[in-house]
N, C-alpha and C. Protein backbone atom coordinates (compact mmCIF):
# COMPACT_ATOMS: atom_id res chain seq x y z
N UNK A 1 0.84 -1.18 0.00
CA UNK A 1 0.00 0.00 0.00
C UNK A 1 0.88 1.24 0.00
N UNK A 2 0.65 2.12 -0.92
CA UNK A 2 1.44 3.34 -1.04
C UNK A 2 1.07 4.33 0.06
N UNK A 3 2.08 5.02 0.55
CA UNK A 3 1.87 6.03 1.58
C UNK A 3 1.79 7.38 0.90
N UNK A 4 0.81 8.17 1.32
CA UNK A 4 0.61 9.47 0.67
C UNK A 4 1.76 10.42 1.00
N UNK A 5 1.89 11.45 0.18
CA UNK A 5 2.96 12.42 0.36
C UNK A 5 2.82 13.15 1.69
N UNK A 6 1.57 13.45 2.09
CA UNK A 6 1.36 14.15 3.36
C UNK A 6 1.75 13.26 4.54
N UNK A 7 1.48 11.94 4.43
CA UNK A 7 1.86 11.00 5.50
C UNK A 7 3.38 10.90 5.60
N UNK A 8 4.06 10.86 4.44
CA UNK A 8 5.53 10.83 4.44
C UNK A 8 6.09 12.10 5.05
N UNK A 9 5.45 13.24 4.75
CA UNK A 9 5.89 14.52 5.31
C UNK A 9 5.74 14.52 6.83
N UNK A 10 4.63 13.95 7.32
CA UNK A 10 4.42 13.84 8.77
C UNK A 10 5.49 12.95 9.40
N UNK A 11 5.80 11.83 8.76
CA UNK A 11 6.83 10.92 9.27
C UNK A 11 8.19 11.61 9.31
N UNK A 12 8.49 12.37 8.26
CA UNK A 12 9.76 13.10 8.21
C UNK A 12 9.82 14.13 9.33
N UNK A 13 8.74 14.89 9.53
CA UNK A 13 8.71 15.89 10.60
C UNK A 13 8.87 15.24 11.97
N UNK A 14 8.23 14.08 12.14
CA UNK A 14 8.34 13.36 13.41
C UNK A 14 9.79 12.90 13.64
N UNK A 15 10.42 12.36 12.61
CA UNK A 15 11.82 11.93 12.73
C UNK A 15 12.75 13.12 12.98
N UNK A 16 12.52 14.22 12.28
CA UNK A 16 13.35 15.41 12.48
C UNK A 16 13.25 15.89 13.92
N UNK A 17 12.04 15.92 14.46
CA UNK A 17 11.85 16.35 15.85
C UNK A 17 12.57 15.40 16.80
N UNK A 18 12.43 14.09 16.56
CA UNK A 18 13.08 13.09 17.40
C UNK A 18 14.60 13.22 17.31
N UNK A 19 15.13 13.39 16.12
CA UNK A 19 16.58 13.51 15.93
C UNK A 19 17.13 14.76 16.60
N UNK A 20 16.37 15.86 16.57
CA UNK A 20 16.83 17.11 17.20
C UNK A 20 16.95 16.96 18.71
N UNK A 21 16.04 16.19 19.31
CA UNK A 21 16.02 16.02 20.77
C UNK A 21 16.94 14.90 21.26
N UNK A 22 17.34 14.02 20.36
CA UNK A 22 18.08 12.82 20.76
C UNK A 22 19.54 13.10 21.10
N UNK A 23 20.02 12.40 22.13
CA UNK A 23 21.43 12.44 22.48
C UNK A 23 22.18 11.37 21.70
N UNK A 24 21.48 10.29 21.41
CA UNK A 24 22.05 9.18 20.63
C UNK A 24 20.98 8.66 19.67
N UNK A 25 21.40 8.34 18.46
CA UNK A 25 20.51 7.74 17.47
C UNK A 25 21.17 6.44 17.01
N UNK A 26 20.42 5.35 17.05
CA UNK A 26 20.95 4.06 16.65
C UNK A 26 20.06 3.49 15.55
N UNK A 27 20.68 3.14 14.44
CA UNK A 27 19.96 2.51 13.33
C UNK A 27 20.27 1.02 13.36
N UNK A 28 19.20 0.22 13.38
CA UNK A 28 19.34 -1.22 13.60
C UNK A 28 18.62 -1.98 12.50
N UNK A 29 19.23 -3.07 12.06
CA UNK A 29 18.57 -3.96 11.10
C UNK A 29 17.33 -4.54 11.76
N UNK A 30 16.17 -4.33 11.17
CA UNK A 30 14.92 -4.84 11.72
C UNK A 30 14.87 -6.36 11.57
N UNK A 31 14.80 -7.08 12.71
CA UNK A 31 14.78 -8.54 12.64
C UNK A 31 13.39 -9.12 12.37
N UNK A 32 12.49 -8.33 11.77
CA UNK A 32 11.13 -8.79 11.46
C UNK A 32 10.40 -9.33 12.69
N UNK A 33 10.27 -8.47 13.67
CA UNK A 33 9.59 -8.84 14.91
C UNK A 33 8.08 -8.88 14.70
N UNK A 34 7.41 -9.76 15.44
CA UNK A 34 5.95 -9.73 15.41
C UNK A 34 5.47 -8.59 16.31
N UNK A 35 4.18 -8.34 16.33
CA UNK A 35 3.64 -7.19 17.05
C UNK A 35 3.98 -7.23 18.54
N UNK A 36 3.83 -8.38 19.17
CA UNK A 36 4.11 -8.50 20.60
C UNK A 36 5.59 -8.24 20.90
N UNK A 37 6.48 -8.79 20.08
CA UNK A 37 7.92 -8.57 20.27
C UNK A 37 8.28 -7.10 20.09
N UNK A 38 7.68 -6.47 19.08
CA UNK A 38 7.92 -5.03 18.86
C UNK A 38 7.44 -4.22 20.05
N UNK A 39 6.27 -4.55 20.56
CA UNK A 39 5.70 -3.83 21.69
C UNK A 39 6.58 -3.97 22.93
N UNK A 40 7.06 -5.18 23.20
CA UNK A 40 7.94 -5.40 24.36
C UNK A 40 9.25 -4.64 24.22
N UNK A 41 9.84 -4.66 23.03
CA UNK A 41 11.09 -3.95 22.80
C UNK A 41 10.89 -2.44 22.92
N UNK A 42 9.80 -1.95 22.34
CA UNK A 42 9.49 -0.51 22.42
C UNK A 42 9.28 -0.10 23.88
N UNK A 43 8.60 -0.94 24.66
CA UNK A 43 8.37 -0.65 26.08
C UNK A 43 9.70 -0.57 26.84
N UNK A 44 10.58 -1.53 26.57
CA UNK A 44 11.89 -1.55 27.24
C UNK A 44 12.69 -0.28 26.91
N UNK A 45 12.66 0.14 25.65
CA UNK A 45 13.37 1.34 25.23
C UNK A 45 12.78 2.57 25.91
N UNK A 46 11.46 2.66 25.95
CA UNK A 46 10.80 3.82 26.58
C UNK A 46 11.08 3.89 28.08
N UNK A 47 11.14 2.73 28.73
CA UNK A 47 11.45 2.69 30.17
C UNK A 47 12.85 3.25 30.44
N UNK A 48 13.71 3.21 29.45
CA UNK A 48 15.08 3.71 29.59
C UNK A 48 15.27 5.10 28.98
N UNK A 49 14.18 5.81 28.74
CA UNK A 49 14.26 7.19 28.28
C UNK A 49 14.46 7.37 26.79
N UNK A 50 14.08 6.37 26.01
CA UNK A 50 14.27 6.47 24.57
C UNK A 50 12.99 6.28 23.80
N UNK A 51 13.14 6.15 22.50
CA UNK A 51 12.00 5.93 21.62
C UNK A 51 12.45 4.98 20.52
N UNK A 52 11.51 4.21 20.01
CA UNK A 52 11.81 3.23 18.97
C UNK A 52 10.74 3.34 17.90
N UNK A 53 11.19 3.45 16.65
CA UNK A 53 10.23 3.54 15.55
C UNK A 53 10.79 2.81 14.33
N UNK A 54 9.90 2.57 13.39
CA UNK A 54 10.28 1.97 12.11
C UNK A 54 9.89 2.97 11.04
N UNK A 55 10.82 3.29 10.16
CA UNK A 55 10.55 4.24 9.08
C UNK A 55 11.17 3.72 7.79
N UNK A 56 10.75 4.31 6.72
CA UNK A 56 11.34 3.96 5.43
C UNK A 56 12.76 4.52 5.38
N UNK A 57 13.65 3.79 4.72
CA UNK A 57 15.05 4.20 4.63
C UNK A 57 15.22 5.56 3.98
N UNK A 58 14.42 5.86 2.97
CA UNK A 58 14.55 7.16 2.29
C UNK A 58 14.20 8.30 3.24
N UNK A 59 13.20 8.09 4.10
CA UNK A 59 12.81 9.14 5.06
C UNK A 59 13.89 9.29 6.12
N UNK A 60 14.45 8.17 6.58
CA UNK A 60 15.53 8.23 7.58
C UNK A 60 16.74 8.95 6.98
N UNK A 61 17.11 8.60 5.76
CA UNK A 61 18.26 9.24 5.09
C UNK A 61 18.02 10.73 4.91
N UNK A 62 16.82 11.10 4.53
CA UNK A 62 16.48 12.51 4.34
C UNK A 62 16.56 13.27 5.66
N UNK A 63 16.05 12.66 6.72
CA UNK A 63 16.10 13.30 8.05
C UNK A 63 17.55 13.48 8.50
N UNK A 64 18.38 12.44 8.33
CA UNK A 64 19.80 12.54 8.67
C UNK A 64 20.45 13.67 7.88
N UNK A 65 20.15 13.73 6.60
CA UNK A 65 20.73 14.75 5.73
C UNK A 65 20.36 16.15 6.19
N UNK A 66 19.09 16.34 6.56
CA UNK A 66 18.63 17.67 7.01
C UNK A 66 19.22 18.06 8.36
N UNK A 67 19.32 17.11 9.27
CA UNK A 67 19.81 17.40 10.62
C UNK A 67 21.33 17.55 10.64
N UNK A 68 22.04 16.73 9.89
CA UNK A 68 23.49 16.68 9.99
C UNK A 68 24.19 17.30 8.78
N UNK A 69 23.64 18.38 8.29
CA UNK A 69 24.32 19.18 7.28
C UNK A 69 24.58 18.50 5.95
N UNK A 70 23.63 17.77 5.45
CA UNK A 70 23.77 17.19 4.12
C UNK A 70 24.50 15.88 4.04
N UNK A 71 24.97 15.35 5.18
CA UNK A 71 25.65 14.05 5.16
C UNK A 71 24.65 12.96 4.84
N UNK A 72 24.99 12.14 3.88
CA UNK A 72 24.10 11.06 3.45
C UNK A 72 24.50 9.75 4.11
N UNK A 73 23.50 8.93 4.37
CA UNK A 73 23.77 7.58 4.85
C UNK A 73 23.04 6.61 3.93
N UNK A 74 23.68 5.49 3.69
CA UNK A 74 23.09 4.46 2.82
C UNK A 74 22.48 3.38 3.70
N UNK A 75 21.20 3.12 3.49
CA UNK A 75 20.51 2.10 4.27
C UNK A 75 19.85 1.09 3.33
N UNK A 76 19.92 -0.17 3.71
CA UNK A 76 19.27 -1.24 2.96
C UNK A 76 18.44 -2.06 3.93
N UNK A 77 17.34 -2.60 3.46
CA UNK A 77 16.50 -3.44 4.30
C UNK A 77 15.70 -2.62 5.29
N UNK A 78 14.87 -3.28 6.04
CA UNK A 78 14.01 -2.61 7.02
C UNK A 78 14.85 -2.12 8.21
N UNK A 79 14.56 -0.91 8.67
CA UNK A 79 15.40 -0.28 9.69
C UNK A 79 14.58 0.15 10.91
N UNK A 80 15.08 -0.22 12.10
CA UNK A 80 14.55 0.30 13.36
C UNK A 80 15.37 1.53 13.73
N UNK A 81 14.70 2.58 14.19
CA UNK A 81 15.38 3.78 14.64
C UNK A 81 15.16 3.90 16.15
N UNK A 82 16.24 3.78 16.90
CA UNK A 82 16.18 3.92 18.35
C UNK A 82 16.87 5.23 18.73
N UNK A 83 16.18 6.06 19.48
CA UNK A 83 16.78 7.31 19.93
C UNK A 83 16.81 7.33 21.45
N UNK A 84 17.86 7.90 21.99
CA UNK A 84 18.00 8.04 23.43
C UNK A 84 17.84 9.51 23.76
N UNK A 85 16.77 9.84 24.46
CA UNK A 85 16.45 11.23 24.74
C UNK A 85 16.98 11.68 26.10
N UNK A 86 17.36 10.75 26.96
CA UNK A 86 17.75 11.10 28.33
C UNK A 86 19.23 10.90 28.61
N UNK A 87 19.79 9.79 28.19
CA UNK A 87 21.16 9.43 28.54
C UNK A 87 21.82 8.90 27.27
N UNK A 88 23.07 9.22 27.07
CA UNK A 88 23.75 8.81 25.84
C UNK A 88 23.85 7.31 25.66
N UNK A 89 23.89 6.56 26.76
CA UNK A 89 24.23 5.14 26.66
C UNK A 89 23.10 4.15 26.92
N UNK A 90 22.06 4.54 27.62
CA UNK A 90 21.07 3.55 28.07
C UNK A 90 20.47 2.74 26.93
N UNK A 91 19.93 3.41 25.93
CA UNK A 91 19.30 2.69 24.82
C UNK A 91 20.35 1.93 24.02
N UNK A 92 21.49 2.53 23.82
CA UNK A 92 22.58 1.87 23.10
C UNK A 92 22.99 0.59 23.81
N UNK A 93 23.05 0.62 25.15
CA UNK A 93 23.41 -0.56 25.93
C UNK A 93 22.35 -1.66 25.79
N UNK A 94 21.08 -1.27 25.68
CA UNK A 94 20.02 -2.27 25.49
C UNK A 94 20.31 -3.10 24.25
N UNK A 95 20.61 -2.40 23.15
CA UNK A 95 20.83 -3.12 21.90
C UNK A 95 22.21 -3.76 21.82
N UNK A 96 23.15 -3.28 22.62
CA UNK A 96 24.47 -3.89 22.65
C UNK A 96 24.47 -5.22 23.38
N UNK A 97 23.54 -5.38 24.33
CA UNK A 97 23.49 -6.61 25.13
C UNK A 97 22.31 -7.49 24.78
N UNK A 98 21.30 -6.92 24.16
CA UNK A 98 20.06 -7.64 23.85
C UNK A 98 20.22 -8.60 22.69
N UNK A 99 19.59 -9.73 22.80
CA UNK A 99 19.48 -10.65 21.66
C UNK A 99 18.03 -10.62 21.24
N UNK A 100 17.81 -10.37 19.97
CA UNK A 100 16.45 -10.31 19.45
C UNK A 100 16.24 -11.54 18.58
N UNK A 101 15.22 -12.29 18.94
CA UNK A 101 14.94 -13.56 18.25
C UNK A 101 16.17 -14.47 18.29
N UNK A 102 16.89 -14.44 19.40
CA UNK A 102 18.04 -15.31 19.58
C UNK A 102 19.29 -14.89 18.84
N UNK A 103 19.25 -13.73 18.18
CA UNK A 103 20.41 -13.27 17.43
C UNK A 103 20.90 -11.93 17.96
N UNK A 104 22.19 -11.71 17.80
CA UNK A 104 22.79 -10.44 18.16
C UNK A 104 22.23 -9.35 17.26
N UNK A 105 22.04 -8.17 17.82
CA UNK A 105 21.51 -7.04 17.05
C UNK A 105 22.52 -6.61 16.00
N UNK A 106 22.05 -6.32 14.80
CA UNK A 106 22.92 -5.85 13.73
C UNK A 106 22.74 -4.35 13.58
N UNK A 107 23.78 -3.61 13.93
CA UNK A 107 23.74 -2.15 13.81
C UNK A 107 24.00 -1.73 12.37
N UNK A 108 23.34 -0.67 11.94
CA UNK A 108 23.58 -0.11 10.62
C UNK A 108 24.39 1.18 10.70
N UNK A 109 24.42 1.78 11.88
CA UNK A 109 25.12 3.05 12.07
C UNK A 109 24.38 3.87 13.10
N UNK A 110 24.73 5.14 13.18
CA UNK A 110 24.04 6.01 14.11
C UNK A 110 24.75 7.32 14.36
N UNK A 111 24.28 7.98 15.39
CA UNK A 111 24.80 9.29 15.80
C UNK A 111 25.09 9.22 17.29
N UNK A 112 26.32 9.61 17.66
CA UNK A 112 26.72 9.58 19.06
C UNK A 112 27.77 10.65 19.29
N UNK A 113 27.61 11.42 20.35
CA UNK A 113 28.59 12.42 20.76
C UNK A 113 28.91 13.41 19.63
N UNK A 114 27.86 13.82 18.91
CA UNK A 114 28.04 14.83 17.87
C UNK A 114 28.58 14.33 16.55
N UNK A 115 28.68 13.01 16.39
CA UNK A 115 29.27 12.46 15.16
C UNK A 115 28.40 11.34 14.60
N UNK A 116 28.37 11.25 13.28
CA UNK A 116 27.73 10.12 12.62
C UNK A 116 28.75 8.99 12.61
N UNK A 117 28.32 7.82 13.06
CA UNK A 117 29.23 6.70 13.21
C UNK A 117 28.79 5.50 12.38
N UNK A 118 29.75 4.67 12.03
CA UNK A 118 29.48 3.45 11.27
C UNK A 118 28.92 2.37 12.20
N UNK A 119 28.49 1.27 11.61
CA UNK A 119 27.94 0.17 12.40
C UNK A 119 28.99 -0.40 13.36
N UNK A 120 30.23 -0.51 12.91
CA UNK A 120 31.30 -1.04 13.77
C UNK A 120 31.57 -0.12 14.95
N UNK A 121 31.57 1.18 14.70
CA UNK A 121 31.82 2.14 15.78
C UNK A 121 30.68 2.12 16.80
N UNK A 122 29.45 2.06 16.32
CA UNK A 122 28.29 2.00 17.22
C UNK A 122 28.35 0.72 18.06
N UNK A 123 28.68 -0.39 17.44
CA UNK A 123 28.77 -1.66 18.16
C UNK A 123 29.85 -1.60 19.25
N UNK A 124 31.00 -1.01 18.93
CA UNK A 124 32.09 -0.89 19.91
C UNK A 124 31.65 -0.02 21.09
N UNK A 125 30.98 1.08 20.81
CA UNK A 125 30.52 1.97 21.88
C UNK A 125 29.47 1.28 22.75
N UNK A 126 28.64 0.45 22.14
CA UNK A 126 27.58 -0.22 22.90
C UNK A 126 28.15 -1.17 23.95
N UNK A 127 29.39 -1.59 23.77
CA UNK A 127 30.02 -2.52 24.71
C UNK A 127 30.74 -1.80 25.86
N UNK A 128 30.88 -0.47 25.76
CA UNK A 128 31.54 0.28 26.81
C UNK A 128 30.63 0.44 28.02
N UNK A 129 31.20 0.60 29.22
CA UNK A 129 30.36 0.85 30.39
C UNK A 129 29.74 2.24 30.31
N UNK A 130 28.56 2.40 30.91
CA UNK A 130 27.88 3.69 30.91
C UNK A 130 28.54 4.62 31.94
N UNK A 131 28.14 5.89 31.91
CA UNK A 131 28.69 6.86 32.88
C UNK A 131 28.41 6.41 34.30
N UNK A 132 27.20 5.93 34.55
CA UNK A 132 26.82 5.50 35.89
C UNK A 132 27.71 4.36 36.36
N UNK A 133 27.96 3.40 35.48
CA UNK A 133 28.84 2.28 35.83
C UNK A 133 30.26 2.77 36.11
N UNK A 134 30.74 3.69 35.28
CA UNK A 134 32.09 4.24 35.50
C UNK A 134 32.19 5.01 36.81
N UNK A 135 31.15 5.80 37.12
CA UNK A 135 31.14 6.53 38.39
C UNK A 135 31.13 5.56 39.57
N UNK A 136 30.38 4.48 39.45
CA UNK A 136 30.35 3.47 40.51
C UNK A 136 31.71 2.83 40.72
N UNK A 137 32.37 2.49 39.62
CA UNK A 137 33.71 1.89 39.72
C UNK A 137 34.71 2.88 40.32
N UNK A 138 34.60 4.15 39.92
CA UNK A 138 35.50 5.17 40.44
C UNK A 138 35.27 5.36 41.95
N UNK A 139 34.00 5.37 42.37
CA UNK A 139 33.68 5.51 43.79
C UNK A 139 34.24 4.32 44.58
N UNK A 140 34.15 3.15 44.01
CA UNK A 140 34.68 1.94 44.66
C UNK A 140 36.19 2.04 44.84
N UNK A 141 36.89 2.50 43.82
CA UNK A 141 38.35 2.65 43.90
C UNK A 141 38.72 3.72 44.92
N UNK A 142 38.02 4.86 44.88
CA UNK A 142 38.31 5.93 45.84
C UNK A 142 38.03 5.48 47.27
N UNK A 143 36.97 4.72 47.45
CA UNK A 143 36.64 4.21 48.78
C UNK A 143 37.75 3.31 49.30
N UNK A 144 38.29 2.48 48.43
CA UNK A 144 39.40 1.61 48.82
C UNK A 144 40.63 2.40 49.21
N UNK A 145 40.93 3.44 48.44
CA UNK A 145 42.10 4.28 48.73
C UNK A 145 41.91 5.00 50.06
N UNK A 146 40.73 5.56 50.27
CA UNK A 146 40.46 6.30 51.52
C UNK A 146 40.52 5.35 52.71
N UNK A 147 39.97 4.14 52.57
CA UNK A 147 40.02 3.15 53.66
C UNK A 147 41.46 2.80 54.00
N UNK A 148 42.29 2.66 52.96
CA UNK A 148 43.71 2.36 53.19
C UNK A 148 44.41 3.48 53.94
N UNK A 149 44.12 4.71 53.58
CA UNK A 149 44.73 5.87 54.27
C UNK A 149 44.30 5.89 55.73
N UNK A 150 43.02 5.65 55.99
CA UNK A 150 42.51 5.64 57.37
C UNK A 150 43.22 4.57 58.18
N UNK A 151 43.40 3.37 57.60
CA UNK A 151 44.08 2.29 58.32
C UNK A 151 45.53 2.68 58.63
N UNK A 152 46.22 3.30 57.68
CA UNK A 152 47.62 3.70 57.90
C UNK A 152 47.71 4.77 58.97
N UNK A 153 46.80 5.72 58.94
CA UNK A 153 46.82 6.81 59.94
C UNK A 153 46.48 6.27 61.33
N UNK A 154 45.53 5.36 61.40
CA UNK A 154 45.09 4.82 62.69
C UNK A 154 46.05 3.79 63.28
N UNK A 155 46.88 3.16 62.47
CA UNK A 155 47.76 2.09 62.96
C UNK A 155 48.68 2.53 64.09
N UNK A 156 49.40 3.68 63.99
CA UNK A 156 50.28 4.06 65.11
C UNK A 156 49.49 4.34 66.39
N UNK A 157 48.35 4.96 66.26
CA UNK A 157 47.53 5.27 67.45
C UNK A 157 47.04 3.97 68.08
N UNK A 158 46.60 3.04 67.24
CA UNK A 158 46.11 1.76 67.73
C UNK A 158 47.25 0.99 68.41
N UNK A 159 48.43 1.00 67.79
CA UNK A 159 49.58 0.31 68.39
C UNK A 159 49.96 0.95 69.72
N UNK A 160 49.91 2.29 69.81
CA UNK A 160 50.23 2.98 71.06
C UNK A 160 49.23 2.59 72.14
N UNK A 161 47.97 2.51 71.77
CA UNK A 161 46.93 2.13 72.74
C UNK A 161 47.18 0.71 73.26
N UNK A 162 47.60 -0.19 72.40
CA UNK A 162 47.89 -1.57 72.81
C UNK A 162 49.07 -1.60 73.77
N UNK A 163 50.13 -0.84 73.46
CA UNK A 163 51.32 -0.79 74.33
C UNK A 163 50.95 -0.23 75.70
N UNK A 164 50.15 0.84 75.74
CA UNK A 164 49.76 1.45 77.02
C UNK A 164 48.92 0.47 77.83
N UNK A 165 48.01 -0.22 77.17
CA UNK A 165 47.17 -1.19 77.86
C UNK A 165 48.00 -2.32 78.45
N UNK A 166 48.95 -2.84 77.68
CA UNK A 166 49.81 -3.93 78.18
C UNK A 166 50.69 -3.43 79.32
N UNK A 167 51.20 -2.18 79.20
CA UNK A 167 52.05 -1.63 80.27
C UNK A 167 51.24 -1.44 81.55
N UNK A 168 50.01 -0.98 81.42
CA UNK A 168 49.20 -0.77 82.62
C UNK A 168 48.86 -2.11 83.28
N UNK A 169 48.63 -3.15 82.46
CA UNK A 169 48.35 -4.47 83.02
C UNK A 169 49.60 -5.03 83.70
N UNK A 170 50.78 -4.76 83.12
CA UNK A 170 52.04 -5.26 83.70
C UNK A 170 52.32 -4.59 85.03
N UNK A 171 52.08 -3.26 85.12
CA UNK A 171 52.35 -2.54 86.34
C UNK A 171 51.28 -2.79 87.40
N UNK A 172 50.10 -3.13 87.01
CA UNK A 172 49.05 -3.40 87.98
C UNK A 172 49.23 -4.78 88.62
N UNK A 173 49.91 -5.66 87.98
CA UNK A 173 50.16 -7.00 88.52
C UNK A 173 51.33 -6.98 89.42
C-alpha cells in the first residue's frame, strides 16, 4: 500500500523532531519482529528514556541529511530507529546486550557524541560501560584508597593504645 505524500511529510517531521532532541541515534537492522515482540522492545526502550520507531530508509536518510548538514547515509532493508532522549548510553546498551529472536543485534550506524558513526563504531561503543557504571567503579576505587589511608593513619595510634594497655596491666600485677 502506497503512503501518501502528506503522510511521508508527517513521518519526516516526526523523525526530524526526534533527531533534534536525541542524544544518541541508533539505526538497527529490523529482525522482522511480530507485534508482541515489537511492543515489548518498544516498552523496554521507553522505560530507559528512549524511543523506537520503524521508518522507510529514504525518510531516515532525508532526516539525517537535514539534521546533519547534508551528510548522506546508505541504508538497505528494514530499519529500526532507536533514539536516546535522556542518557547517551542507556538505549545503546540495550541493543548492545540484547538478543532479538536469539540473534545479536545488527547495527547499521548512528549518531553519538556529535558524530555520525558506522555500524562497527556503534557496536564498539555499545560494549563500553555507561557513565553510571564508570562513576560506581570510580567511587569503589576511591573508597578503597580512603580506607587504606585511614588504616595507615590509625595504625600508630592503635599500636600505642595496645602498648599502654599492656604496660598498665604489667604494672598493675
